[in-house]
C-alpha atoms as a PDB file:
ATOM      1  CA  UNK A   1     -61.754  -2.140  27.324  1.00  0.00           C
ATOM      2  CA  UNK A   2     -59.608   0.428  25.640  1.00  0.00           C
ATOM      3  CA  UNK A   3     -59.148   4.171  26.195  1.00  0.00           C
ATOM      4  CA  UNK A   4     -58.082   6.789  23.668  1.00  0.00           C
ATOM      5  CA  UNK A   5     -55.428   5.274  21.252  1.00  0.00           C
ATOM      6  CA  UNK A   6     -55.762   2.078  23.313  1.00  0.00           C
ATOM      7  CA  UNK A   7     -59.241   1.719  22.006  1.00  0.00           C
ATOM      8  CA  UNK A   8     -57.835   0.756  18.642  1.00  0.00           C
ATOM      9  CA  UNK A   9     -55.680  -2.008  20.198  1.00  0.00           C
ATOM     10  CA  UNK A  10     -58.749  -3.281  22.023  1.00  0.00           C
ATOM     11  CA  UNK A  11     -60.691  -3.365  18.859  1.00  0.00           C
ATOM     12  CA  UNK A  12     -58.046  -5.218  16.971  1.00  0.00           C
ATOM     13  CA  UNK A  13     -57.734  -7.790  19.696  1.00  0.00           C
ATOM     14  CA  UNK A  14     -61.458  -8.202  19.836  1.00  0.00           C
ATOM     15  CA  UNK A  15     -61.649  -8.748  16.166  1.00  0.00           C
ATOM     16  CA  UNK A  16     -58.916 -11.404  16.294  1.00  0.00           C
ATOM     17  CA  UNK A  17     -60.443 -13.207  19.213  1.00  0.00           C
ATOM     18  CA  UNK A  18     -64.109 -12.637  18.758  1.00  0.00           C
ATOM     19  CA  UNK A  19     -64.919 -16.156  20.052  1.00  0.00           C
ATOM     20  CA  UNK A  20     -63.318 -15.127  23.432  1.00  0.00           C
ATOM     21  CA  UNK A  21     -64.871 -11.650  23.712  1.00  0.00           C
ATOM     22  CA  UNK A  22     -68.262 -10.942  25.309  1.00  0.00           C
ATOM     23  CA  UNK A  23     -68.126  -7.265  24.159  1.00  0.00           C
ATOM     24  CA  UNK A  24     -66.031  -4.304  23.555  1.00  0.00           C
ATOM     25  CA  UNK A  25     -65.815  -1.044  25.591  1.00  0.00           C
ATOM     26  CA  UNK A  26     -64.216   1.951  24.069  1.00  0.00           C
ATOM     27  CA  UNK A  27     -63.588   4.944  26.343  1.00  0.00           C
ATOM     28  CA  UNK A  28     -62.998   8.259  24.581  1.00  0.00           C
ATOM     29  CA  UNK A  29     -61.670   6.304  21.515  1.00  0.00           C
ATOM     30  CA  UNK A  30     -59.509   7.723  18.814  1.00  0.00           C
ATOM     31  CA  UNK A  31     -60.659   6.701  15.274  1.00  0.00           C
ATOM     32  CA  UNK A  32     -58.696   4.365  13.203  1.00  0.00           C
ATOM     33  CA  UNK A  33     -58.759   6.828  10.325  1.00  0.00           C
ATOM     34  CA  UNK A  34     -57.175   9.425  12.608  1.00  0.00           C
ATOM     35  CA  UNK A  35     -58.366  12.707  14.127  1.00  0.00           C
ATOM     36  CA  UNK A  36     -56.924  14.707  11.182  1.00  0.00           C
ATOM     37  CA  UNK A  37     -56.370  17.787  13.353  1.00  0.00           C
ATOM     38  CA  UNK A  38     -54.657  20.900  11.841  1.00  0.00           C
ATOM     39  CA  UNK A  39     -50.836  20.988  11.933  1.00  0.00           C
ATOM     40  CA  UNK A  40     -50.874  23.801  14.591  1.00  0.00           C
ATOM     41  CA  UNK A  41     -53.005  21.813  16.946  1.00  0.00           C
ATOM     42  CA  UNK A  42     -50.895  18.574  16.342  1.00  0.00           C
ATOM     43  CA  UNK A  43     -47.698  20.620  17.169  1.00  0.00           C
ATOM     44  CA  UNK A  44     -49.165  21.671  20.533  1.00  0.00           C
ATOM     45  CA  UNK A  45     -49.756  17.998  21.441  1.00  0.00           C
ATOM     46  CA  UNK A  46     -46.328  17.028  20.215  1.00  0.00           C
ATOM     47  CA  UNK A  47     -44.717  19.682  22.416  1.00  0.00           C
ATOM     48  CA  UNK A  48     -45.784  18.045  25.633  1.00  0.00           C
ATOM     49  CA  UNK A  49     -43.247  15.302  25.442  1.00  0.00           C
ATOM     50  CA  UNK A  50     -40.908  15.404  28.425  1.00  0.00           C
ATOM     51  CA  UNK A  51     -42.572  18.635  29.752  1.00  0.00           C
ATOM     52  CA  UNK A  52     -44.461  18.112  33.001  1.00  0.00           C
ATOM     53  CA  UNK A  53     -45.983  21.555  32.996  1.00  0.00           C
ATOM     54  CA  UNK A  54     -47.333  21.127  29.450  1.00  0.00           C
ATOM     55  CA  UNK A  55     -48.566  17.621  30.200  1.00  0.00           C
ATOM     56  CA  UNK A  56     -50.564  18.956  33.195  1.00  0.00           C
ATOM     57  CA  UNK A  57     -51.948  21.928  31.194  1.00  0.00           C
ATOM     58  CA  UNK A  58     -53.059  19.673  28.248  1.00  0.00           C
ATOM     59  CA  UNK A  59     -54.753  17.157  30.664  1.00  0.00           C
ATOM     60  CA  UNK A  60     -56.487  20.021  32.516  1.00  0.00           C
ATOM     61  CA  UNK A  61     -57.911  21.418  29.195  1.00  0.00           C
ATOM     62  CA  UNK A  62     -59.089  17.982  27.991  1.00  0.00           C
ATOM     63  CA  UNK A  63     -60.497  16.893  31.362  1.00  0.00           C
ATOM     64  CA  UNK A  64     -61.790  19.932  33.245  1.00  0.00           C
ATOM     65  CA  UNK A  65     -63.165  17.889  36.102  1.00  0.00           C
ATOM     66  CA  UNK A  66     -59.789  16.360  37.074  1.00  0.00           C
ATOM     67  CA  UNK A  67     -58.760  17.501  40.584  1.00  0.00           C
ATOM     68  CA  UNK A  68     -55.127  18.745  41.316  1.00  0.00           C
ATOM     69  CA  UNK A  69     -54.084  15.414  42.711  1.00  0.00           C
ATOM     70  CA  UNK A  70     -55.192  13.494  39.563  1.00  0.00           C
ATOM     71  CA  UNK A  71     -53.767  16.196  37.344  1.00  0.00           C
ATOM     72  CA  UNK A  72     -50.399  15.987  39.050  1.00  0.00           C
ATOM     73  CA  UNK A  73     -50.414  12.083  38.935  1.00  0.00           C
ATOM     74  CA  UNK A  74     -51.179  12.091  35.192  1.00  0.00           C
ATOM     75  CA  UNK A  75     -48.608  14.824  34.461  1.00  0.00           C
ATOM     76  CA  UNK A  76     -45.926  12.878  36.411  1.00  0.00           C
ATOM     77  CA  UNK A  77     -46.700   9.747  34.438  1.00  0.00           C
ATOM     78  CA  UNK A  78     -46.633  11.660  31.065  1.00  0.00           C
ATOM     79  CA  UNK A  79     -43.637  13.695  31.935  1.00  0.00           C
ATOM     80  CA  UNK A  80     -41.154  10.776  31.685  1.00  0.00           C
ATOM     81  CA  UNK A  81     -42.114   9.943  28.042  1.00  0.00           C
ATOM     82  CA  UNK A  82     -39.535  11.183  25.732  1.00  0.00           C
ATOM     83  CA  UNK A  83     -40.499  13.954  23.249  1.00  0.00           C
ATOM     84  CA  UNK A  84     -39.728  11.831  20.206  1.00  0.00           C
ATOM     85  CA  UNK A  85     -41.978   9.048  21.522  1.00  0.00           C
ATOM     86  CA  UNK A  86     -44.849  11.556  22.312  1.00  0.00           C
ATOM     87  CA  UNK A  87     -44.465  13.037  18.770  1.00  0.00           C
ATOM     88  CA  UNK A  88     -44.645   9.427  17.283  1.00  0.00           C
ATOM     89  CA  UNK A  89     -47.913   8.537  19.074  1.00  0.00           C
ATOM     90  CA  UNK A  90     -49.369  11.977  18.223  1.00  0.00           C
ATOM     91  CA  UNK A  91     -48.645  11.320  14.532  1.00  0.00           C
ATOM     92  CA  UNK A  92     -50.210   7.835  14.948  1.00  0.00           C
ATOM     93  CA  UNK A  93     -53.595   9.054  16.347  1.00  0.00           C
ATOM     94  CA  UNK A  94     -53.721  12.087  14.091  1.00  0.00           C
ATOM     95  CA  UNK A  95     -52.840  10.399  10.772  1.00  0.00           C
ATOM     96  CA  UNK A  96     -54.626   7.117  11.521  1.00  0.00           C
ATOM     97  CA  UNK A  97     -54.352   4.167   9.170  1.00  0.00           C
ATOM     98  CA  UNK A  98     -54.566   5.018   5.518  1.00  0.00           C
ATOM     99  CA  UNK A  99     -56.388   1.781   4.902  1.00  0.00           C
ATOM    100  CA  UNK A 100     -58.803   2.102   7.868  1.00  0.00           C
ATOM    101  CA  UNK A 101     -61.922   0.004   6.911  1.00  0.00           C
ATOM    102  CA  UNK A 102     -65.304   1.647   7.062  1.00  0.00           C
ATOM    103  CA  UNK A 103     -66.679  -1.139   9.169  1.00  0.00           C
ATOM    104  CA  UNK A 104     -64.863  -2.873  12.033  1.00  0.00           C
ATOM    105  CA  UNK A 105     -63.915  -6.504  11.687  1.00  0.00           C
ATOM    106  CA  UNK A 106     -65.387  -6.990  15.124  1.00  0.00           C
ATOM    107  CA  UNK A 107     -69.128  -7.706  14.978  1.00  0.00           C
ATOM    108  CA  UNK A 108     -69.957  -8.175  18.594  1.00  0.00           C
ATOM    109  CA  UNK A 109     -71.582  -5.789  21.155  1.00  0.00           C
ATOM    110  CA  UNK A 110     -69.901  -2.448  21.614  1.00  0.00           C
ATOM    111  CA  UNK A 111     -70.280   0.269  24.198  1.00  0.00           C
ATOM    112  CA  UNK A 112     -68.639   3.596  23.537  1.00  0.00           C
ATOM    113  CA  UNK A 113     -68.279   6.066  26.383  1.00  0.00           C
ATOM    114  CA  UNK A 114     -67.482   9.651  25.702  1.00  0.00           C
ATOM    115  CA  UNK A 115     -66.960  12.730  27.965  1.00  0.00           C
ATOM    116  CA  UNK A 116     -69.219  15.612  27.101  1.00  0.00           C
ATOM    117  CA  UNK A 117     -66.485  18.041  27.954  1.00  0.00           C
ATOM    118  CA  UNK A 118     -63.733  16.242  25.867  1.00  0.00           C
ATOM    119  CA  UNK A 119     -62.630  18.760  23.283  1.00  0.00           C
ATOM    120  CA  UNK A 120     -60.287  16.090  21.705  1.00  0.00           C
ATOM    121  CA  UNK A 121     -62.792  13.181  21.003  1.00  0.00           C
ATOM    122  CA  UNK A 122     -65.699  15.135  19.878  1.00  0.00           C
ATOM    123  CA  UNK A 123     -69.304  14.131  19.215  1.00  0.00           C
ATOM    124  CA  UNK A 124     -68.420  14.098  15.555  1.00  0.00           C
ATOM    125  CA  UNK A 125     -65.556  11.656  16.053  1.00  0.00           C
ATOM    126  CA  UNK A 126     -67.705   9.449  18.079  1.00  0.00           C
ATOM    127  CA  UNK A 127     -70.463   9.429  15.463  1.00  0.00           C
ATOM    128  CA  UNK A 128     -67.861   8.211  12.954  1.00  0.00           C
ATOM    129  CA  UNK A 129     -66.465   5.657  15.203  1.00  0.00           C
ATOM    130  CA  UNK A 130     -69.925   4.328  16.242  1.00  0.00           C
ATOM    131  CA  UNK A 131     -70.902   4.001  12.551  1.00  0.00           C
ATOM    132  CA  UNK A 132     -68.088   1.364  12.186  1.00  0.00           C
ATOM    133  CA  UNK A 133     -70.008  -0.964  14.380  1.00  0.00           C
ATOM    134  CA  UNK A 134     -73.527  -2.458  14.004  1.00  0.00           C
ATOM    135  CA  UNK A 135     -75.640  -1.167  16.762  1.00  0.00           C
ATOM    136  CA  UNK A 136     -72.959   0.425  19.021  1.00  0.00           C
ATOM    137  CA  UNK A 137     -74.353   1.843  22.269  1.00  0.00           C
ATOM    138  CA  UNK A 138     -73.025   5.300  22.946  1.00  0.00           C
ATOM    139  CA  UNK A 139     -73.071   6.832  26.459  1.00  0.00           C
ATOM    140  CA  UNK A 140     -71.991  10.318  27.506  1.00  0.00           C
ATOM    141  CA  UNK A 141     -70.819  11.465  30.824  1.00  0.00           C
ATOM    142  CA  UNK A 142     -71.869  15.108  30.569  1.00  0.00           C
ATOM    143  CA  UNK A 143     -69.017  16.922  32.338  1.00  0.00           C
ATOM    144  CA  UNK A 144     -66.537  14.175  31.717  1.00  0.00           C
ATOM    145  CA  UNK A 145     -63.373  14.913  29.656  1.00  0.00           C
ATOM    146  CA  UNK A 146     -60.802  12.611  28.065  1.00  0.00           C
ATOM    147  CA  UNK A 147     -59.735  10.659  31.177  1.00  0.00           C
ATOM    148  CA  UNK A 148     -63.181   9.537  32.234  1.00  0.00           C
ATOM    149  CA  UNK A 149     -61.918   6.597  34.078  1.00  0.00           C
ATOM    150  CA  UNK A 150     -59.958   8.879  36.338  1.00  0.00           C
ATOM    151  CA  UNK A 151     -62.555  11.704  36.551  1.00  0.00           C
ATOM    152  CA  UNK A 152     -65.627   9.396  37.014  1.00  0.00           C
ATOM    153  CA  UNK A 153     -64.533   5.917  37.907  1.00  0.00           C
ATOM    154  CA  UNK A 154     -67.719   4.962  39.480  1.00  0.00           C
ATOM    155  CA  UNK A 155     -69.941   6.049  36.553  1.00  0.00           C
ATOM    156  CA  UNK A 156     -67.603   4.363  34.101  1.00  0.00           C
ATOM    157  CA  UNK A 157     -67.579   1.150  36.123  1.00  0.00           C
ATOM    158  CA  UNK A 158     -71.367   1.254  36.468  1.00  0.00           C
ATOM    159  CA  UNK A 159     -71.687   1.616  32.745  1.00  0.00           C
ATOM    160  CA  UNK A 160     -69.255  -1.272  32.004  1.00  0.00           C
ATOM    161  CA  UNK A 161     -71.021  -3.590  34.546  1.00  0.00           C
ATOM    162  CA  UNK A 162     -74.495  -2.659  32.927  1.00  0.00           C
ATOM    163  CA  UNK A 163     -73.031  -3.530  29.578  1.00  0.00           C
ATOM    164  CA  UNK A 164     -71.567  -6.705  30.775  1.00  0.00           C
ATOM    165  CA  UNK A 165     -74.873  -7.660  32.370  1.00  0.00           C
ATOM    166  CA  UNK A 166     -76.643  -6.982  29.121  1.00  0.00           C
ATOM    167  CA  UNK A 167     -74.349  -8.975  26.982  1.00  0.00           C
ATOM    168  CA  UNK A 168     -73.861 -11.874  29.314  1.00  0.00           C
ATOM    169  CA  UNK A 169     -77.377 -11.904  30.882  1.00  0.00           C
ATOM    170  CA  UNK A 170     -75.748 -11.586  34.363  1.00  0.00           C
ATOM    171  CA  UNK A 171     -77.298 -10.185  37.470  1.00  0.00           C
ATOM    172  CA  UNK A 172     -75.091  -8.314  39.966  1.00  0.00           C
END
């Protein structure tokens, strides 16, 4: 299971250890080829480094269903990340890998879960990501944003368990 930029890491691990992986779950994944957002939008994301108020505002915009407690918790965690580190990771997810393959090296079952209110990982990006996998199953949590696992942990857990049951033939 990987979320956002972590989805790329999960995919790489799954491809290298496919014999030990039952399935791959990608939550609001960022594409290997990058988001390719305009410079002015990228600059806004880069500016949140070390800035708790900006961290909170950004998270509120991308996950409108987060309550104040969770927004504060996520903002507190993000605020300690140095501005140059934030800028580096923003560049990674925006620029992507120049040699990103059209198809994933992972050929097993894939579940992609997207938030319908996530203005960052859009339906178009999900379409491009899903196309990299043979038969990826895409689910949408309508009011969910970018931090689905925080906003709707029960719904995400149920989808992951259903997926696991389907690939492993398990009964809960």
